[in-house]
Amino acid sequence: MVSCCHAGPLDDLARAVQRLIPDRRDPEKFHADKSEIVAMLRRMAREARR
């Protein structure tokens, strides 16, 4: 179960994933954004295990 203190950041990440689409003009941006989301999720998972 997700604690209430993570609801905001999780909602933000869900919106970021929902908007995540490749862009023909800037293909690297997709991968950079994806990596940023993965890093945030891993950080949150690490904090949740404490």
Protein backbone atom coordinates (compact mmCIF):
# COMPACT_ATOMS: atom_id res chain seq x y z
CA MET A 1 0.00 0.00 0.00
CA VAL A 2 1.24 3.48 -0.87
CA SER A 3 1.57 5.90 2.01
CA CYS A 4 -0.16 9.26 1.78
CA CYS A 5 3.13 11.17 1.68
CA HIS A 6 3.92 9.63 -1.73
CA ALA A 7 0.50 10.21 -3.34
CA GLY A 8 1.49 13.55 -4.88
CA PRO A 9 4.79 12.37 -6.38
CA LEU A 10 3.18 9.15 -7.63
CA ASP A 11 0.42 11.13 -9.32
CA ASP A 12 3.08 13.36 -10.89
CA LEU A 13 4.96 10.32 -12.18
CA ALA A 14 1.76 8.78 -13.55
CA ARG A 15 1.07 11.98 -15.49
CA ALA A 16 4.67 12.05 -16.76
CA VAL A 17 4.38 8.44 -17.99
CA GLN A 18 1.04 9.23 -19.61
CA ARG A 19 2.65 12.11 -21.56
CA LEU A 20 5.76 10.10 -22.48
CA ILE A 21 5.85 9.75 -26.26
CA PRO A 22 8.75 9.70 -28.73
CA ASP A 23 9.33 12.96 -30.57
CA ARG A 24 10.78 12.77 -34.09
CA ARG A 25 12.37 16.19 -33.67
CA ASP A 26 14.12 15.26 -30.40
CA PRO A 27 14.37 11.47 -29.97
CA GLU A 28 16.86 11.78 -27.11
CA LYS A 29 14.31 13.69 -25.00
CA PHE A 30 12.11 10.58 -24.79
CA HIS A 31 14.98 8.51 -23.40
CA ALA A 32 16.12 11.27 -21.04
CA ASP A 33 12.58 11.70 -19.68
CA LYS A 34 12.19 7.93 -19.32
CA SER A 35 15.48 7.68 -17.42
CA GLU A 36 14.42 10.49 -15.10
CA ILE A 37 11.12 8.73 -14.32
CA VAL A 38 12.93 5.44 -13.66
CA ALA A 39 15.36 7.20 -11.30
CA MET A 40 12.50 8.81 -9.38
CA LEU A 41 10.64 5.50 -9.05
CA ARG A 42 13.78 3.73 -7.84
CA ARG A 43 14.44 6.49 -5.31
CA MET A 44 10.87 6.23 -4.01
CA ALA A 45 11.12 2.42 -3.79
CA ARG A 46 14.38 2.70 -1.86
CA GLU A 47 12.81 5.16 0.59
CA ALA A 48 9.73 2.94 1.00
CA ARG A 49 11.92 -0.01 2.02
CA ARG A 50 13.42 1.95 4.92
